[in-house]
Amino acid sequence: MSDPLALPFVDEAEDGELDPNQVPLGATVRVPAYAGMAAGDVVTVRWEGSDGAVFEESAPVPGKGVGHPVVFRIPACELLPHIGSVIRLSYDVDGAAPAPRRSSDVVAVRVDLRERLFPTA
């Protein structure tokens, strides 16, 4: 049995909340290094909105990346539809060697505006 995967996190989130106004170029999702990490592993991050919309992105672990976090950028256009709701963030690891897929637990991140750029009527 393998060790559980650490939770992913959003660099720009504070107290579990992400303000799209603060990340005009997108949010940074960081997948921590994990036990058994090897070059050629494929890490897939999954960003799922409460409306069922899913954004996924995969990246192979390069040789020099072993032992380091895997970093993804969630485009701003994937954040805006979720303002006022909670997204579910998780990731999978498909090992380079024959091994079962491993999945992280889910982290909830609220996407909301802390400060409005324009006044509302």
PDB file of N, CA and C in Angstrom:
ATOM      1  N   MET A   1       0.852  -1.192   0.000  1.00  0.00           N
ATOM      2  CA  MET A   1       0.000   0.000   0.000  1.00  0.00           C
ATOM      3  C   MET A   1       0.888   1.242   0.000  1.00  0.00           C
ATOM      4  N   SER A   2       0.564   2.216  -0.817  1.00  0.00           N
ATOM      5  CA  SER A   2       1.381   3.422  -0.918  1.00  0.00           C
ATOM      6  C   SER A   2       0.890   4.494   0.050  1.00  0.00           C
ATOM      7  N   ASP A   3       1.791   5.420   0.325  1.00  0.00           N
ATOM      8  CA  ASP A   3       1.441   6.536   1.206  1.00  0.00           C
ATOM      9  C   ASP A   3       0.365   7.386   0.552  1.00  0.00           C
ATOM     10  N   PRO A   4      -0.523   7.987   1.366  1.00  0.00           N
ATOM     11  CA  PRO A   4      -1.535   8.875   0.770  1.00  0.00           C
ATOM     12  C   PRO A   4      -0.862  10.111   0.167  1.00  0.00           C
ATOM     13  N   LEU A   5      -1.479  10.639  -0.856  1.00  0.00           N
ATOM     14  CA  LEU A   5      -0.958  11.846  -1.496  1.00  0.00           C
ATOM     15  C   LEU A   5      -1.318  13.071  -0.666  1.00  0.00           C
ATOM     16  N   ALA A   6      -0.386  14.020  -0.604  1.00  0.00           N
ATOM     17  CA  ALA A   6      -0.658  15.288   0.085  1.00  0.00           C
ATOM     18  C   ALA A   6      -1.698  16.069  -0.708  1.00  0.00           C
ATOM     19  N   LEU A   7      -2.382  16.958  -0.039  1.00  0.00           N
ATOM     20  CA  LEU A   7      -3.409  17.768  -0.696  1.00  0.00           C
ATOM     21  C   LEU A   7      -2.783  18.803  -1.629  1.00  0.00           C
ATOM     22  N   PRO A   8      -3.420  19.066  -2.752  1.00  0.00           N
ATOM     23  CA  PRO A   8      -2.971  20.157  -3.613  1.00  0.00           C
ATOM     24  C   PRO A   8      -3.370  21.481  -2.975  1.00  0.00           C
ATOM     25  N   PHE A   9      -2.759  22.564  -3.412  1.00  0.00           N
ATOM     26  CA  PHE A   9      -3.178  23.867  -2.893  1.00  0.00           C
ATOM     27  C   PHE A   9      -3.031  24.943  -3.957  1.00  0.00           C
ATOM     28  N   VAL A  10      -3.786  26.014  -3.750  1.00  0.00           N
ATOM     29  CA  VAL A  10      -3.755  27.167  -4.646  1.00  0.00           C
ATOM     30  C   VAL A  10      -2.913  28.233  -3.959  1.00  0.00           C
ATOM     31  N   ASP A  11      -1.806  28.611  -4.581  1.00  0.00           N
ATOM     32  CA  ASP A  11      -0.884  29.574  -3.969  1.00  0.00           C
ATOM     33  C   ASP A  11      -1.581  30.862  -3.550  1.00  0.00           C
ATOM     34  N   GLU A  12      -2.476  31.362  -4.386  1.00  0.00           N
ATOM     35  CA  GLU A  12      -3.083  32.673  -4.153  1.00  0.00           C
ATOM     36  C   GLU A  12      -4.316  32.632  -3.244  1.00  0.00           C
ATOM     37  N   ALA A  13      -4.764  31.466  -2.844  1.00  0.00           N
ATOM     38  CA  ALA A  13      -5.948  31.365  -1.977  1.00  0.00           C
ATOM     39  C   ALA A  13      -5.574  31.719  -0.540  1.00  0.00           C
ATOM     40  N   GLU A  14      -6.476  32.422   0.124  1.00  0.00           N
ATOM     41  CA  GLU A  14      -6.297  32.766   1.536  1.00  0.00           C
ATOM     42  C   GLU A  14      -7.477  32.212   2.309  1.00  0.00           C
ATOM     43  N   ASP A  15      -7.182  31.408   3.318  1.00  0.00           N
ATOM     44  CA  ASP A  15      -8.232  30.802   4.142  1.00  0.00           C
ATOM     45  C   ASP A  15      -9.266  30.072   3.285  1.00  0.00           C
ATOM     46  N   GLY A  16      -8.795  29.369   2.259  1.00  0.00           N
ATOM     47  CA  GLY A  16      -9.687  28.578   1.420  1.00  0.00           C
ATOM     48  C   GLY A  16     -10.513  29.373   0.435  1.00  0.00           C
ATOM     49  N   GLU A  17     -10.167  30.649   0.239  1.00  0.00           N
ATOM     50  CA  GLU A  17     -10.927  31.499  -0.678  1.00  0.00           C
ATOM     51  C   GLU A  17      -9.994  32.123  -1.710  1.00  0.00           C
ATOM     52  N   LEU A  18     -10.444  32.131  -2.954  1.00  0.00           N
ATOM     53  CA  LEU A  18      -9.666  32.685  -4.058  1.00  0.00           C
ATOM     54  C   LEU A  18     -10.442  33.824  -4.701  1.00  0.00           C
ATOM     55  N   ASP A  19      -9.803  34.991  -4.790  1.00  0.00           N
ATOM     56  CA  ASP A  19     -10.422  36.165  -5.403  1.00  0.00           C
ATOM     57  C   ASP A  19      -9.903  36.300  -6.835  1.00  0.00           C
ATOM     58  N   PRO A  20     -10.765  36.106  -7.845  1.00  0.00           N
ATOM     59  CA  PRO A  20     -10.323  36.217  -9.238  1.00  0.00           C
ATOM     60  C   PRO A  20      -9.714  37.572  -9.588  1.00  0.00           C
ATOM     61  N   ASN A  21     -10.111  38.634  -8.872  1.00  0.00           N
ATOM     62  CA  ASN A  21      -9.525  39.953  -9.127  1.00  0.00           C
ATOM     63  C   ASN A  21      -8.027  39.967  -8.841  1.00  0.00           C
ATOM     64  N   GLN A  22      -7.578  39.074  -7.969  1.00  0.00           N
ATOM     65  CA  GLN A  22      -6.170  39.048  -7.581  1.00  0.00           C
ATOM     66  C   GLN A  22      -5.316  38.180  -8.511  1.00  0.00           C
ATOM     67  N   VAL A  23      -5.962  37.460  -9.432  1.00  0.00           N
ATOM     68  CA  VAL A  23      -5.220  36.557 -10.313  1.00  0.00           C
ATOM     69  C   VAL A  23      -5.661  36.736 -11.774  1.00  0.00           C
ATOM     70  N   PRO A  24      -5.413  37.920 -12.342  1.00  0.00           N
ATOM     71  CA  PRO A  24      -5.880  38.176 -13.710  1.00  0.00           C
ATOM     72  C   PRO A  24      -5.259  37.246 -14.754  1.00  0.00           C
ATOM     73  N   LEU A  25      -4.118  36.660 -14.448  1.00  0.00           N
ATOM     74  CA  LEU A  25      -3.474  35.734 -15.385  1.00  0.00           C
ATOM     75  C   LEU A  25      -3.752  34.276 -15.037  1.00  0.00           C
ATOM     76  N   GLY A  26      -4.557  34.055 -14.000  1.00  0.00           N
ATOM     77  CA  GLY A  26      -4.888  32.694 -13.585  1.00  0.00           C
ATOM     78  C   GLY A  26      -4.310  32.364 -12.225  1.00  0.00           C
ATOM     79  N   ALA A  27      -4.766  31.256 -11.671  1.00  0.00           N
ATOM     80  CA  ALA A  27      -4.342  30.815 -10.343  1.00  0.00           C
ATOM     81  C   ALA A  27      -3.280  29.723 -10.465  1.00  0.00           C
ATOM     82  N   THR A  28      -2.403  29.669  -9.476  1.00  0.00           N
ATOM     83  CA  THR A  28      -1.331  28.684  -9.444  1.00  0.00           C
ATOM     84  C   THR A  28      -1.722  27.531  -8.536  1.00  0.00           C
ATOM     85  N   VAL A  29      -1.828  26.338  -9.097  1.00  0.00           N
ATOM     86  CA  VAL A  29      -2.105  25.137  -8.306  1.00  0.00           C
ATOM     87  C   VAL A  29      -0.797  24.381  -8.154  1.00  0.00           C
ATOM     88  N   ARG A  30      -0.497  24.025  -6.922  1.00  0.00           N
ATOM     89  CA  ARG A  30       0.756  23.342  -6.618  1.00  0.00           C
ATOM     90  C   ARG A  30       0.453  21.947  -6.070  1.00  0.00           C
ATOM     91  N   VAL A  31       1.032  20.945  -6.713  1.00  0.00           N
ATOM     92  CA  VAL A  31       0.928  19.559  -6.260  1.00  0.00           C
ATOM     93  C   VAL A  31       2.247  19.231  -5.567  1.00  0.00           C
ATOM     94  N   PRO A  32       2.215  18.956  -4.256  1.00  0.00           N
ATOM     95  CA  PRO A  32       3.461  18.674  -3.535  1.00  0.00           C
ATOM     96  C   PRO A  32       4.155  17.410  -4.058  1.00  0.00           C
ATOM     97  N   ALA A  33       5.475  17.365  -3.875  1.00  0.00           N
ATOM     98  CA  ALA A  33       6.215  16.140  -4.189  1.00  0.00           C
ATOM     99  C   ALA A  33       5.610  15.008  -3.361  1.00  0.00           C
ATOM    100  N   TYR A  34       5.629  13.805  -3.881  1.00  0.00           N
ATOM    101  CA  TYR A  34       4.985  12.674  -3.214  1.00  0.00           C
ATOM    102  C   TYR A  34       5.942  11.486  -3.148  1.00  0.00           C
ATOM    103  N   ALA A  35       5.687  10.580  -2.214  1.00  0.00           N
ATOM    104  CA  ALA A  35       6.505   9.379  -2.058  1.00  0.00           C
ATOM    105  C   ALA A  35       6.452   8.561  -3.345  1.00  0.00           C
ATOM    106  N   GLY A  36       7.593   8.104  -3.796  1.00  0.00           N
ATOM    107  CA  GLY A  36       7.655   7.290  -5.001  1.00  0.00           C
ATOM    108  C   GLY A  36       7.643   8.085  -6.292  1.00  0.00           C
ATOM    109  N   MET A  37       7.758   9.406  -6.199  1.00  0.00           N
ATOM    110  CA  MET A  37       7.757  10.255  -7.398  1.00  0.00           C
ATOM    111  C   MET A  37       8.894   9.824  -8.319  1.00  0.00           C
ATOM    112  N   ALA A  38       8.590   9.699  -9.616  1.00  0.00           N
ATOM    113  CA  ALA A  38       9.604   9.272 -10.576  1.00  0.00           C
ATOM    114  C   ALA A  38       9.449  10.040 -11.883  1.00  0.00           C
ATOM    115  N   ALA A  39      10.567  10.188 -12.581  1.00  0.00           N
ATOM    116  CA  ALA A  39      10.527  10.815 -13.903  1.00  0.00           C
ATOM    117  C   ALA A  39       9.597  10.000 -14.794  1.00  0.00           C
ATOM    118  N   GLY A  40       8.742  10.699 -15.518  1.00  0.00           N
ATOM    119  CA  GLY A  40       7.796  10.028 -16.399  1.00  0.00           C
ATOM    120  C   GLY A  40       6.423   9.835 -15.790  1.00  0.00           C
ATOM    121  N   ASP A  41       6.292  10.011 -14.467  1.00  0.00           N
ATOM    122  CA  ASP A  41       4.956  10.001 -13.869  1.00  0.00           C
ATOM    123  C   ASP A  41       4.138  11.093 -14.555  1.00  0.00           C
ATOM    124  N   VAL A  42       2.843  10.884 -14.663  1.00  0.00           N
ATOM    125  CA  VAL A  42       1.966  11.916 -15.216  1.00  0.00           C
ATOM    126  C   VAL A  42       1.018  12.366 -14.111  1.00  0.00           C
ATOM    127  N   VAL A  43       1.059  13.661 -13.818  1.00  0.00           N
ATOM    128  CA  VAL A  43       0.206  14.258 -12.791  1.00  0.00           C
ATOM    129  C   VAL A  43      -0.916  15.009 -13.506  1.00  0.00           C
ATOM    130  N   THR A  44      -2.145  14.726 -13.109  1.00  0.00           N
ATOM    131  CA  THR A  44      -3.310  15.388 -13.700  1.00  0.00           C
ATOM    132  C   THR A  44      -4.069  16.115 -12.608  1.00  0.00           C
ATOM    133  N   VAL A  45      -4.167  17.436 -12.740  1.00  0.00           N
ATOM    134  CA  VAL A  45      -4.920  18.232 -11.771  1.00  0.00           C
ATOM    135  C   VAL A  45      -6.349  18.366 -12.290  1.00  0.00           C
ATOM    136  N   ARG A  46      -7.285  18.345 -11.345  1.00  0.00           N
ATOM    137  CA  ARG A  46      -8.719  18.398 -11.692  1.00  0.00           C
ATOM    138  C   ARG A  46      -9.367  19.512 -10.882  1.00  0.00           C
ATOM    139  N   TRP A  47     -10.023  20.417 -11.595  1.00  0.00           N
ATOM    140  CA  TRP A  47     -10.690  21.593 -11.025  1.00  0.00           C
ATOM    141  C   TRP A  47     -12.151  21.457 -11.407  1.00  0.00           C
ATOM    142  N   GLU A  48     -13.017  21.141 -10.438  1.00  0.00           N
ATOM    143  CA  GLU A  48     -14.424  20.860 -10.737  1.00  0.00           C
ATOM    144  C   GLU A  48     -15.339  21.860 -10.056  1.00  0.00           C
ATOM    145  N   GLY A  49     -16.154  22.538 -10.854  1.00  0.00           N
ATOM    146  CA  GLY A  49     -17.093  23.516 -10.331  1.00  0.00           C
ATOM    147  C   GLY A  49     -18.345  22.869  -9.783  1.00  0.00           C
ATOM    148  N   SER A  50     -19.089  23.628  -8.990  1.00  0.00           N
ATOM    149  CA  SER A  50     -20.333  23.114  -8.418  1.00  0.00           C
ATOM    150  C   SER A  50     -21.374  22.855  -9.503  1.00  0.00           C
ATOM    151  N   ASP A  51     -21.161  23.440 -10.685  1.00  0.00           N
ATOM    152  CA  ASP A  51     -22.083  23.219 -11.806  1.00  0.00           C
ATOM    153  C   ASP A  51     -21.713  21.981 -12.624  1.00  0.00           C
ATOM    154  N   GLY A  52     -20.666  21.277 -12.193  1.00  0.00           N
ATOM    155  CA  GLY A  52     -20.241  20.070 -12.896  1.00  0.00           C
ATOM    156  C   GLY A  52     -19.196  20.308 -13.966  1.00  0.00           C
ATOM    157  N   ALA A  53     -18.898  21.583 -14.271  1.00  0.00           N
ATOM    158  CA  ALA A  53     -17.864  21.891 -15.261  1.00  0.00           C
ATOM    159  C   ALA A  53     -16.501  21.462 -14.718  1.00  0.00           C
ATOM    160  N   VAL A  54     -15.702  20.846 -15.576  1.00  0.00           N
ATOM    161  CA  VAL A  54     -14.406  20.317 -15.156  1.00  0.00           C
ATOM    162  C   VAL A  54     -13.298  20.869 -16.048  1.00  0.00           C
ATOM    163  N   PHE A  55     -12.203  21.282 -15.405  1.00  0.00           N
ATOM    164  CA  PHE A  55     -10.986  21.657 -16.118  1.00  0.00           C
ATOM    165  C   PHE A  55      -9.917  20.677 -15.653  1.00  0.00           C
ATOM    166  N   GLU A  56      -9.257  20.023 -16.589  1.00  0.00           N
ATOM    167  CA  GLU A  56      -8.168  19.107 -16.259  1.00  0.00           C
ATOM    168  C   GLU A  56      -6.945  19.478 -17.076  1.00  0.00           C
ATOM    169  N   GLU A  57      -5.799  19.302 -16.444  1.00  0.00           N
ATOM    170  CA  GLU A  57      -4.541  19.506 -17.156  1.00  0.00           C
ATOM    171  C   GLU A  57      -3.538  18.491 -16.631  1.00  0.00           C
ATOM    172  N   SER A  58      -2.758  17.928 -17.538  1.00  0.00           N
ATOM    173  CA  SER A  58      -1.765  16.916 -17.164  1.00  0.00           C
ATOM    174  C   SER A  58      -0.368  17.409 -17.493  1.00  0.00           C
ATOM    175  N   ALA A  59       0.599  16.912 -16.716  1.00  0.00           N
ATOM    176  CA  ALA A  59       1.998  17.235 -16.973  1.00  0.00           C
ATOM    177  C   ALA A  59       2.856  16.052 -16.549  1.00  0.00           C
ATOM    178  N   PRO A  60       3.835  15.686 -17.372  1.00  0.00           N
ATOM    179  CA  PRO A  60       4.766  14.635 -16.964  1.00  0.00           C
ATOM    180  C   PRO A  60       5.788  15.205 -15.984  1.00  0.00           C
ATOM    181  N   VAL A  61       6.285  14.355 -15.112  1.00  0.00           N
ATOM    182  CA  VAL A  61       7.337  14.767 -14.183  1.00  0.00           C
ATOM    183  C   VAL A  61       8.668  14.594 -14.913  1.00  0.00           C
ATOM    184  N   PRO A  62       9.417  15.694 -15.125  1.00  0.00           N
ATOM    185  CA  PRO A  62      10.722  15.562 -15.787  1.00  0.00           C
ATOM    186  C   PRO A  62      11.760  15.023 -14.799  1.00  0.00           C
ATOM    187  N   GLY A  63      12.858  14.521 -15.314  1.00  0.00           N
ATOM    188  CA  GLY A  63      13.911  13.990 -14.450  1.00  0.00           C
ATOM    189  C   GLY A  63      14.351  14.969 -13.379  1.00  0.00           C
ATOM    190  N   LYS A  64      14.512  16.240 -13.757  1.00  0.00           N
ATOM    191  CA  LYS A  64      14.943  17.258 -12.789  1.00  0.00           C
ATOM    192  C   LYS A  64      13.813  17.680 -11.856  1.00  0.00           C
ATOM    193  N   GLY A  65      12.582  17.240 -12.146  1.00  0.00           N
ATOM    194  CA  GLY A  65      11.439  17.621 -11.320  1.00  0.00           C
ATOM    195  C   GLY A  65      11.157  16.669 -10.174  1.00  0.00           C
ATOM    196  N   VAL A  66      11.834  15.522 -10.152  1.00  0.00           N
ATOM    197  CA  VAL A  66      11.598  14.548  -9.084  1.00  0.00           C
ATOM    198  C   VAL A  66      11.969  15.172  -7.743  1.00  0.00           C
ATOM    199  N   GLY A  67      11.068  15.066  -6.788  1.00  0.00           N
ATOM    200  CA  GLY A  67      11.301  15.630  -5.457  1.00  0.00           C
ATOM    201  C   GLY A  67      10.859  17.074  -5.325  1.00  0.00           C
ATOM    202  N   HIS A  68      10.291  17.635  -6.390  1.00  0.00           N
ATOM    203  CA  HIS A  68       9.827  19.021  -6.378  1.00  0.00           C
ATOM    204  C   HIS A  68       8.329  19.074  -6.683  1.00  0.00           C
ATOM    205  N   PRO A  69       7.650  20.135  -6.239  1.00  0.00           N
ATOM    206  CA  PRO A  69       6.224  20.261  -6.563  1.00  0.00           C
ATOM    207  C   PRO A  69       5.999  20.357  -8.073  1.00  0.00           C
ATOM    208  N   VAL A  70       4.824  19.914  -8.503  1.00  0.00           N
ATOM    209  CA  VAL A  70       4.405  20.069  -9.895  1.00  0.00           C
ATOM    210  C   VAL A  70       3.432  21.244  -9.905  1.00  0.00           C
ATOM    211  N   VAL A  71       3.699  22.218 -10.768  1.00  0.00           N
ATOM    212  CA  VAL A  71       2.936  23.469 -10.756  1.00  0.00           C
ATOM    213  C   VAL A  71       2.079  23.574 -12.018  1.00  0.00           C
ATOM    214  N   PHE A  72       0.827  23.978 -11.808  1.00  0.00           N
ATOM    215  CA  PHE A  72      -0.121  24.167 -12.899  1.00  0.00           C
ATOM    216  C   PHE A  72      -0.684  25.580 -12.819  1.00  0.00           C
ATOM    217  N   ARG A  73      -1.099  26.106 -13.962  1.00  0.00           N
ATOM    218  CA  ARG A  73      -1.768  27.413 -14.010  1.00  0.00           C
ATOM    219  C   ARG A  73      -3.203  27.168 -14.455  1.00  0.00           C
ATOM    220  N   ILE A  74      -4.164  27.595 -13.617  1.00  0.00           N
ATOM    221  CA  ILE A  74      -5.577  27.526 -13.980  1.00  0.00           C
ATOM    222  C   ILE A  74      -5.919  28.870 -14.617  1.00  0.00           C
ATOM    223  N   PRO A  75      -6.283  28.889 -15.894  1.00  0.00           N
ATOM    224  CA  PRO A  75      -6.560  30.159 -16.578  1.00  0.00           C
ATOM    225  C   PRO A  75      -7.693  30.938 -15.907  1.00  0.00           C
ATOM    226  N   ALA A  76      -7.591  32.257 -15.970  1.00  0.00           N
ATOM    227  CA  ALA A  76      -8.621  33.121 -15.375  1.00  0.00           C
ATOM    228  C   ALA A  76     -10.003  32.804 -15.931  1.00  0.00           C
ATOM    229  N   CYS A  77     -10.078  32.429 -17.205  1.00  0.00           N
ATOM    230  CA  CYS A  77     -11.385  32.124 -17.802  1.00  0.00           C
ATOM    231  C   CYS A  77     -12.044  30.911 -17.158  1.00  0.00           C
ATOM    232  N   GLU A  78     -11.263  30.082 -16.462  1.00  0.00           N
ATOM    233  CA  GLU A  78     -11.823  28.933 -15.742  1.00  0.00           C
ATOM    234  C   GLU A  78     -12.290  29.323 -14.341  1.00  0.00           C
ATOM    235  N   LEU A  79     -11.861  30.485 -13.860  1.00  0.00           N
ATOM    236  CA  LEU A  79     -12.253  30.957 -12.526  1.00  0.00           C
ATOM    237  C   LEU A  79     -13.561  31.733 -12.566  1.00  0.00           C
ATOM    238  N   LEU A  80     -13.682  32.603 -13.549  1.00  0.00           N
ATOM    239  CA  LEU A  80     -14.808  33.546 -13.587  1.00  0.00           C
ATOM    240  C   LEU A  80     -16.187  32.900 -13.536  1.00  0.00           C
ATOM    241  N   PRO A  81     -16.434  31.782 -14.211  1.00  0.00           N
ATOM    242  CA  PRO A  81     -17.774  31.189 -14.136  1.00  0.00           C
ATOM    243  C   PRO A  81     -18.133  30.665 -12.744  1.00  0.00           C
ATOM    244  N   HIS A  82     -17.142  30.568 -11.864  1.00  0.00           N
ATOM    245  CA  HIS A  82     -17.379  29.968 -10.550  1.00  0.00           C
ATOM    246  C   HIS A  82     -17.437  30.986  -9.417  1.00  0.00           C
ATOM    247  N   ILE A  83     -17.492  32.271  -9.761  1.00  0.00           N
ATOM    248  CA  ILE A  83     -17.584  33.292  -8.716  1.00  0.00           C
ATOM    249  C   ILE A  83     -18.836  33.031  -7.885  1.00  0.00           C
ATOM    250  N   GLY A  84     -18.645  33.016  -6.582  1.00  0.00           N
ATOM    251  CA  GLY A  84     -19.757  32.783  -5.663  1.00  0.00           C
ATOM    252  C   GLY A  84     -20.021  31.316  -5.382  1.00  0.00           C
ATOM    253  N   SER A  85     -19.148  30.445  -5.856  1.00  0.00           N
ATOM    254  CA  SER A  85     -19.354  29.020  -5.602  1.00  0.00           C
ATOM    255  C   SER A  85     -18.053  28.370  -5.128  1.00  0.00           C
ATOM    256  N   VAL A  86     -18.146  27.100  -4.850  1.00  0.00           N
ATOM    257  CA  VAL A  86     -17.000  26.337  -4.356  1.00  0.00           C
ATOM    258  C   VAL A  86     -16.568  25.357  -5.436  1.00  0.00           C
ATOM    259  N   ILE A  87     -15.272  25.307  -5.681  1.00  0.00           N
ATOM    260  CA  ILE A  87     -14.746  24.320  -6.618  1.00  0.00           C
ATOM    261  C   ILE A  87     -14.056  23.224  -5.808  1.00  0.00           C
ATOM    262  N   ARG A  88     -13.946  22.067  -6.437  1.00  0.00           N
ATOM    263  CA  ARG A  88     -13.288  20.915  -5.824  1.00  0.00           C
ATOM    264  C   ARG A  88     -11.979  20.691  -6.580  1.00  0.00           C
ATOM    265  N   LEU A  89     -10.872  20.717  -5.855  1.00  0.00           N
ATOM    266  CA  LEU A  89      -9.546  20.583  -6.445  1.00  0.00           C
ATOM    267  C   LEU A  89      -8.926  19.266  -5.995  1.00  0.00           C
ATOM    268  N   SER A  90      -8.417  18.493  -6.946  1.00  0.00           N
ATOM    269  CA  SER A  90      -7.746  17.231  -6.629  1.00  0.00           C
ATOM    270  C   SER A  90      -6.759  16.922  -7.752  1.00  0.00           C
ATOM    271  N   TYR A  91      -6.020  15.827  -7.587  1.00  0.00           N
ATOM    272  CA  TYR A  91      -5.114  15.402  -8.653  1.00  0.00           C
ATOM    273  C   TYR A  91      -4.927  13.891  -8.619  1.00  0.00           C
ATOM    274  N   ASP A  92      -4.492  13.371  -9.761  1.00  0.00           N
ATOM    275  CA  ASP A  92      -4.176  11.952  -9.910  1.00  0.00           C
ATOM    276  C   ASP A  92      -2.722  11.826 -10.323  1.00  0.00           C
ATOM    277  N   VAL A  93      -2.119  10.693  -9.961  1.00  0.00           N
ATOM    278  CA  VAL A  93      -0.767  10.371 -10.403  1.00  0.00           C
ATOM    279  C   VAL A  93      -0.817   9.019 -11.101  1.00  0.00           C
ATOM    280  N   ASP A  94      -0.392   9.016 -12.351  1.00  0.00           N
ATOM    281  CA  ASP A  94      -0.226   7.773 -13.098  1.00  0.00           C
ATOM    282  C   ASP A  94       1.269   7.516 -13.160  1.00  0.00           C
ATOM    283  N   GLY A  95       1.710   6.457 -12.483  1.00  0.00           N
ATOM    284  CA  GLY A  95       3.129   6.160 -12.391  1.00  0.00           C
ATOM    285  C   GLY A  95       3.747   5.749 -13.710  1.00  0.00           C
ATOM    286  N   ALA A  96       5.048   6.061 -13.854  1.00  0.00           N
ATOM    287  CA  ALA A  96       5.780   5.690 -15.058  1.00  0.00           C
ATOM    288  C   ALA A  96       5.907   4.167 -15.148  1.00  0.00           C
ATOM    289  N   ALA A  97       6.105   3.519 -14.011  1.00  0.00           N
ATOM    290  CA  ALA A  97       6.167   2.058 -13.971  1.00  0.00           C
ATOM    291  C   ALA A  97       4.738   1.536 -13.816  1.00  0.00           C
ATOM    292  N   PRO A  98       4.491   0.308 -14.203  1.00  0.00           N
ATOM    293  CA  PRO A  98       3.133  -0.221 -14.014  1.00  0.00           C
ATOM    294  C   PRO A  98       2.730  -0.141 -12.540  1.00  0.00           C
ATOM    295  N   ALA A  99       1.781   0.692 -12.283  1.00  0.00           N
ATOM    296  CA  ALA A  99       1.292   0.892 -10.917  1.00  0.00           C
ATOM    297  C   ALA A  99      -0.123   1.434 -11.020  1.00  0.00           C
ATOM    298  N   PRO A 100      -0.930   1.177 -10.013  1.00  0.00           N
ATOM    299  CA  PRO A 100      -2.292   1.715 -10.066  1.00  0.00           C
ATOM    300  C   PRO A 100      -2.287   3.238  -9.953  1.00  0.00           C
ATOM    301  N   ARG A 101      -3.298   3.846 -10.541  1.00  0.00           N
ATOM    302  CA  ARG A 101      -3.471   5.301 -10.435  1.00  0.00           C
ATOM    303  C   ARG A 101      -3.687   5.649  -8.965  1.00  0.00           C
ATOM    304  N   ARG A 102      -3.068   6.725  -8.542  1.00  0.00           N
ATOM    305  CA  ARG A 102      -3.256   7.229  -7.177  1.00  0.00           C
ATOM    306  C   ARG A 102      -3.988   8.556  -7.271  1.00  0.00           C
ATOM    307  N   SER A 103      -4.905   8.786  -6.342  1.00  0.00           N
ATOM    308  CA  SER A 103      -5.691  10.024  -6.342  1.00  0.00           C
ATOM    309  C   SER A 103      -5.601  10.702  -4.989  1.00  0.00           C
ATOM    310  N   SER A 104      -5.515  12.024  -5.018  1.00  0.00           N
ATOM    311  CA  SER A 104      -5.501  12.794  -3.774  1.00  0.00           C
ATOM    312  C   SER A 104      -6.923  12.945  -3.255  1.00  0.00           C
ATOM    313  N   ASP A 105      -7.018  13.365  -2.015  1.00  0.00           N
ATOM    314  CA  ASP A 105      -8.310  13.789  -1.495  1.00  0.00           C
ATOM    315  C   ASP A 105      -8.659  15.123  -2.151  1.00  0.00           C
ATOM    316  N   VAL A 106      -9.880  15.558  -1.946  1.00  0.00           N
ATOM    317  CA  VAL A 106     -10.382  16.790  -2.561  1.00  0.00           C
ATOM    318  C   VAL A 106     -10.241  17.958  -1.590  1.00  0.00           C
ATOM    319  N   VAL A 107      -9.839  19.102  -2.123  1.00  0.00           N
ATOM    320  CA  VAL A 107      -9.782  20.352  -1.366  1.00  0.00           C
ATOM    321  C   VAL A 107     -10.864  21.275  -1.921  1.00  0.00           C
ATOM    322  N   ALA A 108     -11.624  21.886  -1.035  1.00  0.00           N
ATOM    323  CA  ALA A 108     -12.651  22.849  -1.456  1.00  0.00           C
ATOM    324  C   ALA A 108     -12.052  24.252  -1.443  1.00  0.00           C
ATOM    325  N   VAL A 109     -12.254  24.986  -2.523  1.00  0.00           N
ATOM    326  CA  VAL A 109     -11.786  26.373  -2.627  1.00  0.00           C
ATOM    327  C   VAL A 109     -12.972  27.224  -3.059  1.00  0.00           C
ATOM    328  N   ARG A 110     -13.265  28.239  -2.269  1.00  0.00           N
ATOM    329  CA  ARG A 110     -14.363  29.151  -2.615  1.00  0.00           C
ATOM    330  C   ARG A 110     -13.813  30.237  -3.537  1.00  0.00           C
ATOM    331  N   VAL A 111     -14.486  30.453  -4.651  1.00  0.00           N
ATOM    332  CA  VAL A 111     -14.104  31.499  -5.604  1.00  0.00           C
ATOM    333  C   VAL A 111     -15.065  32.658  -5.383  1.00  0.00           C
ATOM    334  N   ASP A 112     -14.543  33.756  -4.879  1.00  0.00           N
ATOM    335  CA  ASP A 112     -15.411  34.894  -4.579  1.00  0.00           C
ATOM    336  C   ASP A 112     -14.613  36.185  -4.613  1.00  0.00           C
ATOM    337  N   LEU A 113     -15.317  37.270  -4.786  1.00  0.00           N
ATOM    338  CA  LEU A 113     -14.695  38.593  -4.840  1.00  0.00           C
ATOM    339  C   LEU A 113     -14.607  39.159  -3.432  1.00  0.00           C
ATOM    340  N   ARG A 114     -13.384  39.400  -2.956  1.00  0.00           N
ATOM    341  CA  ARG A 114     -13.208  40.019  -1.640  1.00  0.00           C
ATOM    342  C   ARG A 114     -13.519  41.508  -1.718  1.00  0.00           C
ATOM    343  N   GLU A 115     -13.120  42.086  -2.844  1.00  0.00           N
ATOM    344  CA  GLU A 115     -13.318  43.523  -3.044  1.00  0.00           C
ATOM    345  C   GLU A 115     -13.792  43.724  -4.473  1.00  0.00           C
ATOM    346  N   ARG A 116     -14.881  44.369  -4.631  1.00  0.00           N
ATOM    347  CA  ARG A 116     -15.430  44.585  -5.973  1.00  0.00           C
ATOM    348  C   ARG A 116     -14.664  45.719  -6.659  1.00  0.00           C
ATOM    349  N   LEU A 117     -14.318  45.490  -7.922  1.00  0.00           N
ATOM    350  CA  LEU A 117     -13.611  46.520  -8.682  1.00  0.00           C
ATOM    351  C   LEU A 117     -14.530  47.662  -9.080  1.00  0.00           C
ATOM    352  N   PHE A 118     -15.811  47.342  -9.265  1.00  0.00           N
ATOM    353  CA  PHE A 118     -16.778  48.348  -9.678  1.00  0.00           C
ATOM    354  C   PHE A 118     -17.939  48.328  -8.695  1.00  0.00           C
ATOM    355  N   PRO A 119     -18.504  49.472  -8.377  1.00  0.00           N
ATOM    356  CA  PRO A 119     -19.643  49.483  -7.459  1.00  0.00           C
ATOM    357  C   PRO A 119     -20.839  48.761  -8.068  1.00  0.00           C
ATOM    358  N   THR A 120     -21.605  48.141  -7.199  1.00  0.00           N
ATOM    359  CA  THR A 120     -22.828  47.477  -7.658  1.00  0.00           C
ATOM    360  C   THR A 120     -24.020  48.320  -7.252  1.00  0.00           C
ATOM    361  N   ALA A 121     -25.043  48.291  -8.050  1.00  0.00           N
ATOM    362  CA  ALA A 121     -26.238  49.098  -7.771  1.00  0.00           C
ATOM    363  C   ALA A 121     -27.189  48.333  -6.895  1.00  0.00           C
TER     364      ALA A 121
END
